[in-house]
Amino acid sequence: MKDTGNPLPPDELGGRLTEVYDLVGPLYRRAQRSVEQGLAADGLSVGVRAVLTLLHRNGPMTVPQMGRAQSISRQFVQRMVNDAAAQDLVESIPNPAHRRSSLIRTTGKGAGVIAAVLEREHLLLRGVGGDLTDADVTACLRVLGEMVKALDHIDLG
């Protein structure tokens, strides 16, 4: 039986985390396809959905803040914000902390759209099996968070 109470040595940790990466890729691609299919009815792209979700969870943010939060380029976020604004889902408001970098917030329409999308996703995820416990999910979040932090140094442009 494996010792589950002590940190893994670096070589063993590297191997185990490779197993995590091997699952994260297919999980991400399957989830993205599923989300895209669900979003098609709302006329949303995955990128616009990501912007709306960030704003729903965090309140108004700047484009650079959203890029850092999602580990994607500011230019891509700006295109998604422009797409969302063209659909009247977000709007720019003055940023008291920085005159040249407006805050982006959801409109009433955008808030309603993302609330409906998140509710549909919540209902789908309720069906995940495996008798998962809160401790299982907490451990998963911790592992994935550490993996993200380990890659924070990568420049996204």
C-alpha atoms as a PDB file:
ATOM      1  CA  MET A   1       0.000   0.000   0.000  1.00  0.00           C
ATOM      2  CA  LYS A   2       1.240   3.485  -0.883  1.00  0.00           C
ATOM      3  CA  ASP A   3       2.114   5.937   1.882  1.00  0.00           C
ATOM      4  CA  THR A   4      -0.464   8.701   1.437  1.00  0.00           C
ATOM      5  CA  GLY A   5       0.736  10.922   4.279  1.00  0.00           C
ATOM      6  CA  ASN A   6       4.149  12.083   3.056  1.00  0.00           C
ATOM      7  CA  PRO A   7       5.095  14.306   0.112  1.00  0.00           C
ATOM      8  CA  LEU A   8       6.299  12.369  -2.936  1.00  0.00           C
ATOM      9  CA  PRO A   9       9.965  12.587  -3.942  1.00  0.00           C
ATOM     10  CA  PRO A  10      10.392  14.885  -6.987  1.00  0.00           C
ATOM     11  CA  ASP A  11      10.896  12.090  -9.545  1.00  0.00           C
ATOM     12  CA  GLU A  12       7.838  10.189  -8.356  1.00  0.00           C
ATOM     13  CA  LEU A  13       5.810  13.419  -8.147  1.00  0.00           C
ATOM     14  CA  GLY A  14       6.754  14.273 -11.733  1.00  0.00           C
ATOM     15  CA  GLY A  15       5.518  10.899 -12.933  1.00  0.00           C
ATOM     16  CA  ARG A  16       2.243  11.109 -11.033  1.00  0.00           C
ATOM     17  CA  LEU A  17       1.571  14.666 -12.239  1.00  0.00           C
ATOM     18  CA  THR A  18       2.167  13.498 -15.811  1.00  0.00           C
ATOM     19  CA  GLU A  19      -0.802  11.177 -15.226  1.00  0.00           C
ATOM     20  CA  VAL A  20      -2.850  14.235 -14.261  1.00  0.00           C
ATOM     21  CA  TYR A  21      -1.819  16.092 -17.449  1.00  0.00           C
ATOM     22  CA  ASP A  22      -2.723  12.999 -19.467  1.00  0.00           C
ATOM     23  CA  LEU A  23      -6.296  13.276 -18.118  1.00  0.00           C
ATOM     24  CA  VAL A  24      -6.612  17.062 -18.152  1.00  0.00           C
ATOM     25  CA  GLY A  25      -6.145  17.361 -21.935  1.00  0.00           C
ATOM     26  CA  PRO A  26      -8.972  14.996 -22.932  1.00  0.00           C
ATOM     27  CA  LEU A  27     -11.154  16.346 -20.114  1.00  0.00           C
ATOM     28  CA  TYR A  28     -10.656  19.911 -21.353  1.00  0.00           C
ATOM     29  CA  ARG A  29     -11.373  19.013 -24.987  1.00  0.00           C
ATOM     30  CA  ARG A  30     -14.499  17.009 -24.134  1.00  0.00           C
ATOM     31  CA  ALA A  31     -15.765  19.719 -21.810  1.00  0.00           C
ATOM     32  CA  GLN A  32     -15.095  22.384 -24.436  1.00  0.00           C
ATOM     33  CA  ARG A  33     -17.047  20.425 -27.072  1.00  0.00           C
ATOM     34  CA  SER A  34     -19.918  19.920 -24.627  1.00  0.00           C
ATOM     35  CA  VAL A  35     -19.910  23.600 -23.658  1.00  0.00           C
ATOM     36  CA  GLU A  36     -19.787  24.662 -27.313  1.00  0.00           C
ATOM     37  CA  GLN A  37     -22.818  22.511 -28.101  1.00  0.00           C
ATOM     38  CA  GLY A  38     -24.739  24.002 -25.167  1.00  0.00           C
ATOM     39  CA  LEU A  39     -23.651  27.532 -26.002  1.00  0.00           C
ATOM     40  CA  ALA A  40     -24.668  27.322 -29.640  1.00  0.00           C
ATOM     41  CA  ALA A  41     -28.298  27.858 -28.655  1.00  0.00           C
ATOM     42  CA  ASP A  42     -27.297  31.084 -26.881  1.00  0.00           C
ATOM     43  CA  GLY A  43     -25.062  32.248 -29.739  1.00  0.00           C
ATOM     44  CA  LEU A  44     -22.024  32.294 -27.446  1.00  0.00           C
ATOM     45  CA  SER A  45     -18.476  31.180 -28.107  1.00  0.00           C
ATOM     46  CA  VAL A  46     -16.375  29.480 -25.448  1.00  0.00           C
ATOM     47  CA  GLY A  47     -14.252  32.649 -25.234  1.00  0.00           C
ATOM     48  CA  VAL A  48     -17.240  34.930 -24.616  1.00  0.00           C
ATOM     49  CA  ARG A  49     -18.543  32.443 -22.056  1.00  0.00           C
ATOM     50  CA  ALA A  50     -15.160  32.608 -20.251  1.00  0.00           C
ATOM     51  CA  VAL A  51     -15.336  36.424 -20.123  1.00  0.00           C
ATOM     52  CA  LEU A  52     -18.913  36.373 -18.841  1.00  0.00           C
ATOM     53  CA  THR A  53     -18.046  33.766 -16.193  1.00  0.00           C
ATOM     54  CA  LEU A  54     -15.098  35.820 -14.929  1.00  0.00           C
ATOM     55  CA  LEU A  55     -17.253  38.923 -14.648  1.00  0.00           C
ATOM     56  CA  HIS A  56     -20.083  36.958 -13.021  1.00  0.00           C
ATOM     57  CA  ARG A  57     -17.728  35.588 -10.350  1.00  0.00           C
ATOM     58  CA  ASN A  58     -15.472  38.611  -9.814  1.00  0.00           C
ATOM     59  CA  GLY A  59     -17.444  41.689 -10.780  1.00  0.00           C
ATOM     60  CA  PRO A  60     -16.034  44.327 -13.143  1.00  0.00           C
ATOM     61  CA  MET A  61     -12.496  43.660 -14.366  1.00  0.00           C
ATOM     62  CA  THR A  62     -10.066  45.125 -16.865  1.00  0.00           C
ATOM     63  CA  VAL A  63      -9.066  43.214 -19.981  1.00  0.00           C
ATOM     64  CA  PRO A  64      -5.498  42.657 -18.649  1.00  0.00           C
ATOM     65  CA  GLN A  65      -6.904  41.318 -15.361  1.00  0.00           C
ATOM     66  CA  MET A  66      -9.093  38.858 -17.266  1.00  0.00           C
ATOM     67  CA  GLY A  67      -6.139  37.742 -19.383  1.00  0.00           C
ATOM     68  CA  ARG A  68      -4.028  37.050 -16.302  1.00  0.00           C
ATOM     69  CA  ALA A  69      -6.889  35.238 -14.556  1.00  0.00           C
ATOM     70  CA  GLN A  70      -7.411  32.924 -17.545  1.00  0.00           C
ATOM     71  CA  SER A  71      -3.750  32.629 -18.596  1.00  0.00           C
ATOM     72  CA  ILE A  72      -4.570  33.895 -22.072  1.00  0.00           C
ATOM     73  CA  SER A  73      -3.353  36.890 -24.028  1.00  0.00           C
ATOM     74  CA  ARG A  74      -4.822  40.335 -23.501  1.00  0.00           C
ATOM     75  CA  GLN A  75      -5.423  40.556 -27.249  1.00  0.00           C
ATOM     76  CA  PHE A  76      -7.593  37.412 -27.252  1.00  0.00           C
ATOM     77  CA  VAL A  77      -9.566  38.661 -24.240  1.00  0.00           C
ATOM     78  CA  GLN A  78     -10.093  42.000 -25.997  1.00  0.00           C
ATOM     79  CA  ARG A  79     -11.540  40.214 -29.045  1.00  0.00           C
ATOM     80  CA  MET A  80     -13.884  38.226 -26.791  1.00  0.00           C
ATOM     81  CA  VAL A  81     -14.927  41.412 -24.950  1.00  0.00           C
ATOM     82  CA  ASN A  82     -15.593  43.080 -28.318  1.00  0.00           C
ATOM     83  CA  ASP A  83     -17.706  40.093 -29.396  1.00  0.00           C
ATOM     84  CA  ALA A  84     -19.627  40.179 -26.093  1.00  0.00           C
ATOM     85  CA  ALA A  85     -20.160  43.952 -26.385  1.00  0.00           C
ATOM     86  CA  ALA A  86     -21.506  43.527 -29.932  1.00  0.00           C
ATOM     87  CA  GLN A  87     -24.134  41.174 -28.440  1.00  0.00           C
ATOM     88  CA  ASP A  88     -24.921  43.679 -25.637  1.00  0.00           C
ATOM     89  CA  LEU A  89     -23.614  41.245 -23.009  1.00  0.00           C
ATOM     90  CA  VAL A  90     -20.906  43.514 -21.541  1.00  0.00           C
ATOM     91  CA  GLU A  91     -20.140  47.203 -21.364  1.00  0.00           C
ATOM     92  CA  SER A  92     -17.160  49.404 -20.510  1.00  0.00           C
ATOM     93  CA  ILE A  93     -17.302  51.657 -17.470  1.00  0.00           C
ATOM     94  CA  PRO A  94     -14.753  54.128 -16.128  1.00  0.00           C
ATOM     95  CA  ASN A  95     -12.002  52.670 -13.963  1.00  0.00           C
ATOM     96  CA  PRO A  96     -11.244  54.970 -11.021  1.00  0.00           C
ATOM     97  CA  ALA A  97      -7.874  53.249 -10.546  1.00  0.00           C
ATOM     98  CA  HIS A  98      -6.671  53.646 -14.133  1.00  0.00           C
ATOM     99  CA  ARG A  99      -8.049  56.094 -16.710  1.00  0.00           C
ATOM    100  CA  ARG A 100      -6.729  54.253 -19.761  1.00  0.00           C
ATOM    101  CA  SER A 101      -7.903  50.753 -18.795  1.00  0.00           C
ATOM    102  CA  SER A 102     -11.690  50.657 -18.548  1.00  0.00           C
ATOM    103  CA  LEU A 103     -13.516  48.175 -16.402  1.00  0.00           C
ATOM    104  CA  ILE A 104     -15.714  45.682 -18.200  1.00  0.00           C
ATOM    105  CA  ARG A 105     -18.976  44.557 -16.588  1.00  0.00           C
ATOM    106  CA  THR A 106     -21.921  42.445 -17.643  1.00  0.00           C
ATOM    107  CA  THR A 107     -25.084  44.116 -18.803  1.00  0.00           C
ATOM    108  CA  GLY A 108     -28.429  42.904 -17.501  1.00  0.00           C
ATOM    109  CA  LYS A 109     -28.733  40.747 -20.612  1.00  0.00           C
ATOM    110  CA  GLY A 110     -25.210  39.338 -20.101  1.00  0.00           C
ATOM    111  CA  ALA A 111     -25.878  38.537 -16.450  1.00  0.00           C
ATOM    112  CA  GLY A 112     -29.031  36.646 -17.406  1.00  0.00           C
ATOM    113  CA  VAL A 113     -27.317  34.722 -20.197  1.00  0.00           C
ATOM    114  CA  ILE A 114     -24.370  33.573 -18.063  1.00  0.00           C
ATOM    115  CA  ALA A 115     -26.625  32.665 -15.135  1.00  0.00           C
ATOM    116  CA  ALA A 116     -28.621  30.375 -17.460  1.00  0.00           C
ATOM    117  CA  VAL A 117     -25.447  28.819 -18.927  1.00  0.00           C
ATOM    118  CA  LEU A 118     -23.958  28.153 -15.485  1.00  0.00           C
ATOM    119  CA  GLU A 119     -27.216  26.626 -14.274  1.00  0.00           C
ATOM    120  CA  ARG A 120     -27.296  24.226 -17.240  1.00  0.00           C
ATOM    121  CA  GLU A 121     -23.657  23.254 -16.584  1.00  0.00           C
ATOM    122  CA  HIS A 122     -24.380  22.779 -12.878  1.00  0.00           C
ATOM    123  CA  LEU A 123     -27.238  20.416 -13.687  1.00  0.00           C
ATOM    124  CA  LEU A 124     -24.976  18.421 -16.018  1.00  0.00           C
ATOM    125  CA  LEU A 125     -22.146  18.196 -13.477  1.00  0.00           C
ATOM    126  CA  ARG A 126     -24.527  16.977 -10.789  1.00  0.00           C
ATOM    127  CA  GLY A 127     -24.562  13.710 -12.717  1.00  0.00           C
ATOM    128  CA  VAL A 128     -20.850  13.014 -12.230  1.00  0.00           C
ATOM    129  CA  GLY A 129     -20.514   9.661 -10.488  1.00  0.00           C
ATOM    130  CA  GLY A 130     -17.775   8.021  -8.492  1.00  0.00           C
ATOM    131  CA  ASP A 131     -19.104   8.809  -5.021  1.00  0.00           C
ATOM    132  CA  LEU A 132     -16.741  11.773  -4.849  1.00  0.00           C
ATOM    133  CA  THR A 133     -16.333  13.429  -1.473  1.00  0.00           C
ATOM    134  CA  ASP A 134     -15.607  17.018  -0.563  1.00  0.00           C
ATOM    135  CA  ALA A 135     -12.099  15.879   0.408  1.00  0.00           C
ATOM    136  CA  ASP A 136     -11.627  14.364  -3.075  1.00  0.00           C
ATOM    137  CA  VAL A 137     -12.605  17.606  -4.778  1.00  0.00           C
ATOM    138  CA  THR A 138     -10.512  19.691  -2.364  1.00  0.00           C
ATOM    139  CA  ALA A 139      -7.460  17.521  -3.079  1.00  0.00           C
ATOM    140  CA  CYS A 140      -8.065  17.787  -6.833  1.00  0.00           C
ATOM    141  CA  LEU A 141      -8.310  21.589  -6.644  1.00  0.00           C
ATOM    142  CA  ARG A 142      -5.116  21.746  -4.584  1.00  0.00           C
ATOM    143  CA  VAL A 143      -3.176  19.576  -7.044  1.00  0.00           C
ATOM    144  CA  LEU A 144      -4.402  21.474 -10.103  1.00  0.00           C
ATOM    145  CA  GLY A 145      -3.756  24.820  -8.395  1.00  0.00           C
ATOM    146  CA  GLU A 146      -0.162  23.820  -7.649  1.00  0.00           C
ATOM    147  CA  MET A 147       0.311  22.707 -11.244  1.00  0.00           C
ATOM    148  CA  VAL A 148      -0.983  26.054 -12.515  1.00  0.00           C
ATOM    149  CA  LYS A 149       1.330  27.933 -10.135  1.00  0.00           C
ATOM    150  CA  ALA A 150       4.302  25.895 -11.369  1.00  0.00           C
ATOM    151  CA  LEU A 151       3.618  27.192 -14.887  1.00  0.00           C
ATOM    152  CA  ASP A 152       2.959  30.835 -13.938  1.00  0.00           C
ATOM    153  CA  HIS A 153       6.310  31.895 -15.399  1.00  0.00           C
ATOM    154  CA  ILE A 154       5.219  31.159 -18.978  1.00  0.00           C
ATOM    155  CA  ASP A 155       4.707  34.378 -20.976  1.00  0.00           C
ATOM    156  CA  LEU A 156       1.420  34.409 -22.845  1.00  0.00           C
ATOM    157  CA  GLY A 157       2.109  37.506 -24.895  1.00  0.00           C
END
